[in-house]
Amino acid sequence: MLTKRKKANEIGKTSRHATDTGSPEVQVAVLTRRIEELSVHLDKNRKDKHSRRGLLGLVADRRKHLKYLEANNKRAYGTLVKKLGLKR
């Protein structure tokens, strides 16, 4: 589970300014962290179909944010993909 401390850490790494919590970069970083944690859970609990459905929703949501960021700010998109280690 993503705790407040972990979420604040991710926000601090990728925010544009001190009070930034809603930019696409921050949202993608938080979603990526949630996806990683849920993937670990699903490795241990293979029959948890409800969590798997949630994971697919998070991945789709992250893809939409990345697509928006790529269309509107290519430089920020490139640096974010490198920073998070995504395959795109």
N, C-alpha and C. Protein backbone atom coordinates (compact mmCIF):
# COMPACT_ATOMS: atom_id res chain seq x y z
N MET A 1 0.83 -1.18 0.00
CA MET A 1 0.00 0.00 0.00
C MET A 1 0.88 1.25 0.00
N LEU A 2 0.46 2.24 -0.72
CA LEU A 2 1.21 3.48 -0.84
C LEU A 2 0.91 4.37 0.36
N THR A 3 1.88 4.55 1.23
CA THR A 3 1.67 5.37 2.42
C THR A 3 1.84 6.85 2.08
N LYS A 4 1.45 7.71 3.01
CA LYS A 4 1.57 9.15 2.79
C LYS A 4 3.03 9.55 2.59
N ARG A 5 3.91 8.92 3.34
CA ARG A 5 5.33 9.26 3.25
C ARG A 5 5.89 8.88 1.88
N LYS A 6 5.54 7.68 1.38
CA LYS A 6 6.03 7.26 0.07
C LYS A 6 5.47 8.17 -1.03
N LYS A 7 4.19 8.50 -0.90
CA LYS A 7 3.56 9.36 -1.90
C LYS A 7 4.20 10.74 -1.89
N ALA A 8 4.45 11.30 -0.71
CA ALA A 8 5.08 12.61 -0.61
C ALA A 8 6.49 12.57 -1.19
N ASN A 9 7.18 11.46 -1.02
CA ASN A 9 8.52 11.31 -1.57
C ASN A 9 8.48 11.33 -3.10
N GLU A 10 7.54 10.62 -3.69
CA GLU A 10 7.39 10.60 -5.15
C GLU A 10 7.01 11.99 -5.67
N ILE A 11 6.13 12.68 -4.95
CA ILE A 11 5.72 14.02 -5.37
C ILE A 11 6.92 14.96 -5.30
N GLY A 12 7.71 14.84 -4.25
CA GLY A 12 8.88 15.70 -4.09
C GLY A 12 9.91 15.51 -5.19
N LYS A 13 10.05 14.30 -5.67
CA LYS A 13 11.03 14.02 -6.72
C LYS A 13 10.64 14.61 -8.08
N THR A 14 9.33 14.66 -8.37
CA THR A 14 8.91 15.00 -9.73
C THR A 14 8.09 16.28 -9.83
N SER A 15 7.86 16.98 -8.75
CA SER A 15 7.00 18.17 -8.81
C SER A 15 7.70 19.32 -9.52
N ARG A 16 6.90 20.17 -10.13
CA ARG A 16 7.42 21.34 -10.84
C ARG A 16 7.76 22.47 -9.88
N HIS A 17 6.96 22.60 -8.81
CA HIS A 17 7.20 23.62 -7.80
C HIS A 17 6.77 23.08 -6.44
N ALA A 18 6.88 23.87 -5.41
CA ALA A 18 6.70 23.38 -4.03
C ALA A 18 5.31 22.82 -3.74
N THR A 19 4.27 23.40 -4.32
CA THR A 19 2.91 22.96 -4.00
C THR A 19 2.28 22.16 -5.14
N ASP A 20 3.09 21.64 -6.04
CA ASP A 20 2.59 20.90 -7.20
C ASP A 20 2.22 19.48 -6.82
N THR A 21 0.94 19.14 -6.98
CA THR A 21 0.51 17.76 -6.75
C THR A 21 -0.31 17.21 -7.90
N GLY A 22 -0.65 18.04 -8.88
CA GLY A 22 -1.55 17.59 -9.93
C GLY A 22 -1.00 17.58 -11.33
N SER A 23 0.26 17.94 -11.50
CA SER A 23 0.82 17.95 -12.85
C SER A 23 0.91 16.51 -13.37
N PRO A 24 0.92 16.35 -14.68
CA PRO A 24 1.00 15.00 -15.25
C PRO A 24 2.23 14.23 -14.79
N GLU A 25 3.35 14.92 -14.61
CA GLU A 25 4.57 14.25 -14.16
C GLU A 25 4.38 13.62 -12.79
N VAL A 26 3.77 14.37 -11.88
CA VAL A 26 3.54 13.87 -10.52
C VAL A 26 2.56 12.72 -10.55
N GLN A 27 1.50 12.86 -11.32
CA GLN A 27 0.49 11.80 -11.37
C GLN A 27 1.07 10.51 -11.94
N VAL A 28 1.89 10.63 -12.97
CA VAL A 28 2.51 9.43 -13.55
C VAL A 28 3.46 8.78 -12.53
N ALA A 29 4.21 9.58 -11.79
CA ALA A 29 5.14 9.04 -10.80
C ALA A 29 4.40 8.29 -9.70
N VAL A 30 3.30 8.86 -9.21
CA VAL A 30 2.51 8.21 -8.15
C VAL A 30 1.87 6.94 -8.69
N LEU A 31 1.33 7.01 -9.90
CA LEU A 31 0.72 5.81 -10.49
C LEU A 31 1.76 4.71 -10.69
N THR A 32 2.96 5.09 -11.12
CA THR A 32 4.02 4.11 -11.33
C THR A 32 4.37 3.42 -10.02
N ARG A 33 4.45 4.17 -8.94
CA ARG A 33 4.76 3.59 -7.63
C ARG A 33 3.66 2.63 -7.19
N ARG A 34 2.39 3.02 -7.40
CA ARG A 34 1.27 2.14 -7.04
C ARG A 34 1.29 0.86 -7.88
N ILE A 35 1.61 1.00 -9.18
CA ILE A 35 1.66 -0.16 -10.07
C ILE A 35 2.75 -1.12 -9.62
N GLU A 36 3.91 -0.59 -9.25
CA GLU A 36 5.01 -1.45 -8.79
C GLU A 36 4.62 -2.22 -7.54
N GLU A 37 3.99 -1.54 -6.58
CA GLU A 37 3.61 -2.21 -5.34
C GLU A 37 2.52 -3.25 -5.58
N LEU A 38 1.57 -2.94 -6.44
CA LEU A 38 0.50 -3.89 -6.73
C LEU A 38 1.03 -5.09 -7.51
N SER A 39 2.04 -4.89 -8.34
CA SER A 39 2.64 -5.99 -9.08
C SER A 39 3.31 -6.98 -8.13
N VAL A 40 3.99 -6.45 -7.11
CA VAL A 40 4.61 -7.31 -6.11
C VAL A 40 3.55 -8.12 -5.38
N HIS A 41 2.44 -7.47 -5.05
CA HIS A 41 1.34 -8.16 -4.36
C HIS A 41 0.79 -9.29 -5.23
N LEU A 42 0.65 -9.00 -6.53
CA LEU A 42 0.06 -10.01 -7.42
C LEU A 42 1.02 -11.16 -7.71
N ASP A 43 2.32 -10.93 -7.56
CA ASP A 43 3.27 -12.04 -7.70
C ASP A 43 3.07 -13.06 -6.58
N LYS A 44 2.74 -12.56 -5.41
CA LYS A 44 2.53 -13.44 -4.26
C LYS A 44 1.13 -14.04 -4.24
N ASN A 45 0.15 -13.29 -4.74
CA ASN A 45 -1.26 -13.71 -4.68
C ASN A 45 -1.82 -13.81 -6.09
N ARG A 46 -1.50 -14.88 -6.76
CA ARG A 46 -1.85 -15.03 -8.17
C ARG A 46 -3.36 -15.10 -8.43
N LYS A 47 -4.14 -15.53 -7.48
CA LYS A 47 -5.57 -15.69 -7.71
C LYS A 47 -6.39 -14.45 -7.35
N ASP A 48 -5.74 -13.38 -6.99
CA ASP A 48 -6.43 -12.15 -6.61
C ASP A 48 -6.87 -11.40 -7.86
N LYS A 49 -8.01 -11.79 -8.40
CA LYS A 49 -8.50 -11.22 -9.66
C LYS A 49 -8.97 -9.78 -9.49
N HIS A 50 -9.50 -9.43 -8.33
CA HIS A 50 -9.99 -8.07 -8.11
C HIS A 50 -8.85 -7.06 -8.14
N SER A 51 -7.74 -7.40 -7.53
CA SER A 51 -6.59 -6.50 -7.54
C SER A 51 -5.97 -6.42 -8.94
N ARG A 52 -6.04 -7.52 -9.68
CA ARG A 52 -5.51 -7.51 -11.04
C ARG A 52 -6.31 -6.55 -11.91
N ARG A 53 -7.61 -6.52 -11.71
CA ARG A 53 -8.44 -5.59 -12.47
C ARG A 53 -8.09 -4.15 -12.11
N GLY A 54 -7.85 -3.90 -10.85
CA GLY A 54 -7.43 -2.57 -10.43
C GLY A 54 -6.10 -2.18 -11.04
N LEU A 55 -5.19 -3.14 -11.12
CA LEU A 55 -3.88 -2.89 -11.73
C LEU A 55 -4.03 -2.49 -13.19
N LEU A 56 -4.88 -3.18 -13.91
CA LEU A 56 -5.10 -2.85 -15.32
C LEU A 56 -5.66 -1.44 -15.48
N GLY A 57 -6.53 -1.03 -14.55
CA GLY A 57 -7.05 0.33 -14.58
C GLY A 57 -5.97 1.36 -14.34
N LEU A 58 -5.06 1.08 -13.39
CA LEU A 58 -3.96 2.00 -13.11
C LEU A 58 -3.02 2.12 -14.31
N VAL A 59 -2.75 1.00 -14.96
CA VAL A 59 -1.87 1.02 -16.14
C VAL A 59 -2.52 1.83 -17.26
N ALA A 60 -3.82 1.67 -17.46
CA ALA A 60 -4.51 2.44 -18.49
C ALA A 60 -4.50 3.93 -18.16
N ASP A 61 -4.69 4.25 -16.91
CA ASP A 61 -4.67 5.64 -16.47
C ASP A 61 -3.30 6.27 -16.69
N ARG A 62 -2.24 5.54 -16.35
CA ARG A 62 -0.89 6.03 -16.55
C ARG A 62 -0.61 6.24 -18.04
N ARG A 63 -1.08 5.32 -18.86
CA ARG A 63 -0.88 5.44 -20.30
C ARG A 63 -1.53 6.71 -20.84
N LYS A 64 -2.74 7.03 -20.34
CA LYS A 64 -3.42 8.25 -20.78
C LYS A 64 -2.63 9.49 -20.38
N HIS A 65 -2.14 9.51 -19.15
CA HIS A 65 -1.35 10.66 -18.70
C HIS A 65 -0.07 10.80 -19.52
N LEU A 66 0.59 9.69 -19.81
CA LEU A 66 1.82 9.74 -20.61
C LEU A 66 1.54 10.22 -22.03
N LYS A 67 0.43 9.78 -22.59
CA LYS A 67 0.07 10.20 -23.93
C LYS A 67 -0.20 11.71 -23.97
N TYR A 68 -0.87 12.22 -22.95
CA TYR A 68 -1.12 13.65 -22.86
C TYR A 68 0.19 14.42 -22.74
N LEU A 69 1.06 13.95 -21.88
CA LEU A 69 2.34 14.62 -21.65
C LEU A 69 3.19 14.61 -22.91
N GLU A 70 3.19 13.50 -23.64
CA GLU A 70 3.96 13.41 -24.87
C GLU A 70 3.45 14.39 -25.92
N ALA A 71 2.15 14.56 -25.98
CA ALA A 71 1.57 15.46 -26.97
C ALA A 71 1.82 16.93 -26.63
N ASN A 72 1.87 17.26 -25.35
CA ASN A 72 1.95 18.66 -24.96
C ASN A 72 3.32 19.15 -24.52
N ASN A 73 4.19 18.25 -24.04
CA ASN A 73 5.50 18.68 -23.55
C ASN A 73 6.49 17.54 -23.73
N LYS A 74 7.07 17.46 -24.90
CA LYS A 74 7.95 16.34 -25.23
C LYS A 74 9.19 16.28 -24.34
N ARG A 75 9.73 17.44 -23.98
CA ARG A 75 10.93 17.46 -23.15
C ARG A 75 10.65 16.87 -21.76
N ALA A 76 9.53 17.28 -21.16
CA ALA A 76 9.16 16.76 -19.84
C ALA A 76 8.86 15.27 -19.93
N TYR A 77 8.25 14.86 -21.05
CA TYR A 77 7.94 13.45 -21.26
C TYR A 77 9.22 12.61 -21.30
N GLY A 78 10.21 13.08 -22.05
CA GLY A 78 11.47 12.34 -22.18
C GLY A 78 12.20 12.22 -20.86
N THR A 79 12.27 13.31 -20.11
CA THR A 79 12.98 13.25 -18.83
C THR A 79 12.24 12.37 -17.83
N LEU A 80 10.90 12.41 -17.85
CA LEU A 80 10.13 11.58 -16.91
C LEU A 80 10.29 10.10 -17.21
N VAL A 81 10.26 9.74 -18.49
CA VAL A 81 10.42 8.33 -18.85
C VAL A 81 11.79 7.81 -18.44
N LYS A 82 12.82 8.64 -18.61
CA LYS A 82 14.16 8.23 -18.18
C LYS A 82 14.25 8.12 -16.67
N LYS A 83 13.66 9.09 -15.97
CA LYS A 83 13.74 9.11 -14.51
C LYS A 83 13.02 7.91 -13.88
N LEU A 84 11.87 7.55 -14.46
CA LEU A 84 11.09 6.44 -13.89
C LEU A 84 11.50 5.09 -14.46
N GLY A 85 12.27 5.09 -15.53
CA GLY A 85 12.71 3.83 -16.13
C GLY A 85 11.61 3.09 -16.85
N LEU A 86 10.75 3.83 -17.53
CA LEU A 86 9.66 3.21 -18.29
C LEU A 86 10.17 2.78 -19.65
N LYS A 87 9.48 1.88 -20.30
CA LYS A 87 9.93 1.30 -21.56
C LYS A 87 9.66 2.17 -22.77
N ARG A 88 8.81 3.15 -22.67
CA ARG A 88 8.41 3.95 -23.83
C ARG A 88 9.54 4.64 -24.47
